[in-house]
Amino acid sequence: CEKLSSKLFNKPTVCMCPGCKNMAINSHVLQNKKILKPIAPKNHLYCFEPNSFFNKEQRFAYKKRGINEVLAFRGYCKNHDDQIFSFIEKTDVDWSDPKSQFLLGYRSICREIYIKQIMVDYYSEHLTKFISPDNMLLDYRFEIIVKNPN
């Protein structure tokens, strides 16, 4: 699972800017050097991440990640990343400024779209391994819990 996840996160992607065919660069939602580094002992942070869909006791877990991985995503090519986000990258972020808030929020949404696409690819690849006409998930059973509203 970890190998597949790593493969998908490192897969080259095209810039999110409509019509752009350039390859996306790895960028961070928050400034790496000015925001993440000061709060990262030994350049690592713990992130709450999906662990395994197939293990209901540990579907999510805290994982130690290097700051180059934390809140990172391949969203925009260098040109568009600079054009769109230079306001929050080139200077200290003014957290009270509406433009900064918008850009940080927008970048967060872009990262979520990126992560959701990775997860679609991740589960699609797993499902093709586990689902076939011969064994339609015989080793895995879905549990539906219906709670009484009273």
Protein backbone atom coordinates (compact mmCIF):
# COMPACT_ATOMS: atom_id res chain seq x y z
CA CYS A 1 0.00 0.00 0.00
CA GLU A 2 2.79 2.44 0.92
CA LYS A 3 4.63 1.71 -2.36
CA LEU A 4 1.51 2.41 -4.42
CA SER A 5 0.77 5.56 -2.48
CA SER A 6 4.33 6.82 -2.97
CA LYS A 7 4.19 5.96 -6.68
CA LEU A 8 0.96 7.93 -7.15
CA PHE A 9 2.14 10.97 -5.17
CA ASN A 10 5.35 11.11 -7.21
CA LYS A 11 3.62 10.63 -10.55
CA PRO A 12 4.10 13.64 -12.87
CA THR A 13 0.92 15.67 -13.34
CA VAL A 14 -0.14 18.46 -15.69
CA CYS A 15 -0.68 22.02 -14.44
CA MET A 16 -4.19 22.69 -13.06
CA CYS A 17 -4.45 25.95 -15.00
CA PRO A 18 -7.01 25.44 -17.79
CA GLY A 19 -5.32 24.97 -21.15
CA CYS A 20 -1.80 24.67 -19.74
CA LYS A 21 0.07 21.53 -20.79
CA ASN A 22 3.21 22.13 -18.67
CA MET A 23 4.15 19.72 -15.90
CA ALA A 24 3.20 20.72 -12.37
CA ILE A 25 5.87 21.40 -9.77
CA ASN A 26 5.82 20.23 -6.18
CA SER A 27 4.59 23.11 -4.03
CA HIS A 28 3.27 23.59 -0.51
CA VAL A 29 0.04 25.05 0.80
CA LEU A 30 2.07 26.91 3.44
CA GLN A 31 5.54 28.37 3.04
CA ASN A 32 8.03 25.65 3.77
CA LYS A 33 10.89 27.74 5.16
CA LYS A 34 8.95 30.46 6.99
CA ILE A 35 5.96 28.55 8.39
CA LEU A 36 6.61 24.80 8.46
CA LYS A 37 10.33 24.68 9.30
CA PRO A 38 10.06 26.64 12.60
CA ILE A 39 7.43 24.19 13.95
CA ALA A 40 9.08 21.02 12.65
CA PRO A 41 11.55 19.38 15.04
CA LYS A 42 14.31 17.79 12.95
CA ASN A 43 12.35 18.83 9.82
CA HIS A 44 9.51 16.36 10.49
CA LEU A 45 5.84 16.71 11.41
CA TYR A 46 3.09 14.21 12.17
CA CYS A 47 0.17 14.20 9.73
CA PHE A 48 -3.24 12.60 10.09
CA GLU A 49 -3.60 10.55 6.91
CA PRO A 50 -5.60 7.71 5.40
CA ASN A 51 -4.01 4.44 6.40
CA SER A 52 -6.06 1.62 4.93
CA PHE A 53 -9.59 1.29 3.66
CA PHE A 54 -9.37 -2.42 4.29
CA ASN A 55 -8.48 -2.15 8.00
CA LYS A 56 -11.49 -0.68 9.78
CA GLU A 57 -9.61 -0.24 13.08
CA GLN A 58 -6.93 1.89 11.45
CA ARG A 59 -8.41 3.64 8.45
CA PHE A 60 -6.56 6.78 9.52
CA ALA A 61 -3.30 7.17 11.41
CA TYR A 62 -0.68 9.74 12.36
CA LYS A 63 2.39 9.38 10.19
CA LYS A 64 5.75 11.08 10.52
CA ARG A 65 6.55 13.04 7.38
CA GLY A 66 9.40 15.26 6.27
CA ILE A 67 8.46 18.90 5.80
CA ASN A 68 9.02 18.57 2.05
CA GLU A 69 6.06 16.14 1.99
CA VAL A 70 3.74 17.98 4.39
CA LEU A 71 0.90 19.84 2.67
CA ALA A 72 2.67 19.36 -0.65
CA PHE A 73 1.03 18.74 -3.98
CA ARG A 74 1.67 18.91 -7.71
CA GLY A 75 -0.83 21.54 -8.79
CA TYR A 76 0.61 24.20 -11.03
CA CYS A 77 3.59 24.61 -13.32
CA LYS A 78 6.31 26.97 -12.09
CA ASN A 79 5.03 29.83 -14.21
CA HIS A 80 1.41 29.65 -12.99
CA ASP A 81 2.41 28.87 -9.40
CA ASP A 82 4.53 32.04 -9.36
CA GLN A 83 1.82 34.12 -11.08
CA ILE A 84 -0.98 33.01 -8.79
CA PHE A 85 0.72 32.56 -5.41
CA SER A 86 3.69 34.95 -5.33
CA PHE A 87 1.72 37.26 -3.00
CA ILE A 88 1.83 34.59 -0.25
CA GLU A 89 5.20 33.10 -1.20
CA LYS A 90 7.57 36.02 -1.70
CA THR A 91 6.78 37.89 1.52
CA ASP A 92 5.67 37.11 5.05
CA VAL A 93 2.02 36.09 5.05
CA ASP A 94 -0.32 38.70 6.51
CA TRP A 95 -2.94 36.37 7.98
CA SER A 96 -5.45 39.22 8.37
CA ASP A 97 -5.26 40.28 4.70
CA PRO A 98 -8.30 39.08 2.68
CA LYS A 99 -6.14 38.42 -0.41
CA SER A 100 -3.80 36.21 1.64
CA GLN A 101 -6.77 34.38 3.15
CA PHE A 102 -8.28 33.81 -0.27
CA LEU A 103 -5.02 32.54 -1.80
CA LEU A 104 -4.30 30.22 1.15
CA GLY A 105 -7.86 28.89 0.99
CA TYR A 106 -7.71 28.48 -2.78
CA ARG A 107 -4.38 26.66 -2.59
CA SER A 108 -5.82 24.37 0.11
CA ILE A 109 -8.76 23.52 -2.14
CA CYS A 110 -6.41 22.83 -5.06
CA ARG A 111 -4.44 20.44 -2.84
CA GLU A 112 -7.65 18.67 -1.78
CA ILE A 113 -8.62 18.19 -5.43
CA TYR A 114 -5.15 16.77 -6.09
CA ILE A 115 -5.40 14.42 -3.07
CA LYS A 116 -8.88 13.24 -4.07
CA GLN A 117 -7.61 12.35 -7.55
CA ILE A 118 -4.71 10.43 -6.02
CA MET A 119 -7.18 8.53 -3.80
CA VAL A 120 -9.41 7.71 -6.78
CA ASP A 121 -6.36 6.28 -8.57
CA TYR A 122 -5.23 4.46 -5.38
CA TYR A 123 -8.56 2.72 -4.75
CA SER A 124 -9.13 2.04 -8.44
CA GLU A 125 -5.83 0.20 -8.60
CA HIS A 126 -6.63 -1.75 -5.42
CA LEU A 127 -10.10 -2.66 -6.62
CA THR A 128 -8.77 -4.04 -9.88
CA LYS A 129 -6.55 -6.35 -7.83
CA PHE A 130 -9.28 -7.52 -5.46
CA ILE A 131 -12.36 -7.56 -7.65
CA SER A 132 -12.64 -9.96 -10.50
CA PRO A 133 -15.56 -12.05 -11.73
CA ASP A 134 -13.97 -15.03 -9.97
CA ASN A 135 -13.62 -13.67 -6.45
CA MET A 136 -15.88 -10.61 -6.07
CA LEU A 137 -14.36 -9.62 -2.71
CA LEU A 138 -14.83 -13.00 -1.07
CA ASP A 139 -12.16 -12.16 1.49
CA TYR A 140 -13.69 -8.84 2.48
CA ARG A 141 -17.16 -8.19 3.75
CA PHE A 142 -18.82 -4.84 4.03
CA GLU A 143 -20.50 -4.05 7.28
CA ILE A 144 -23.49 -1.78 7.30
CA ILE A 145 -24.40 -0.42 10.67
CA VAL A 146 -27.89 0.93 10.98
CA LYS A 147 -28.47 2.93 14.13
CA ASN A 148 -31.88 3.22 15.72
CA PRO A 149 -32.81 6.93 15.72
CA ASN A 150 -34.69 6.54 19.03
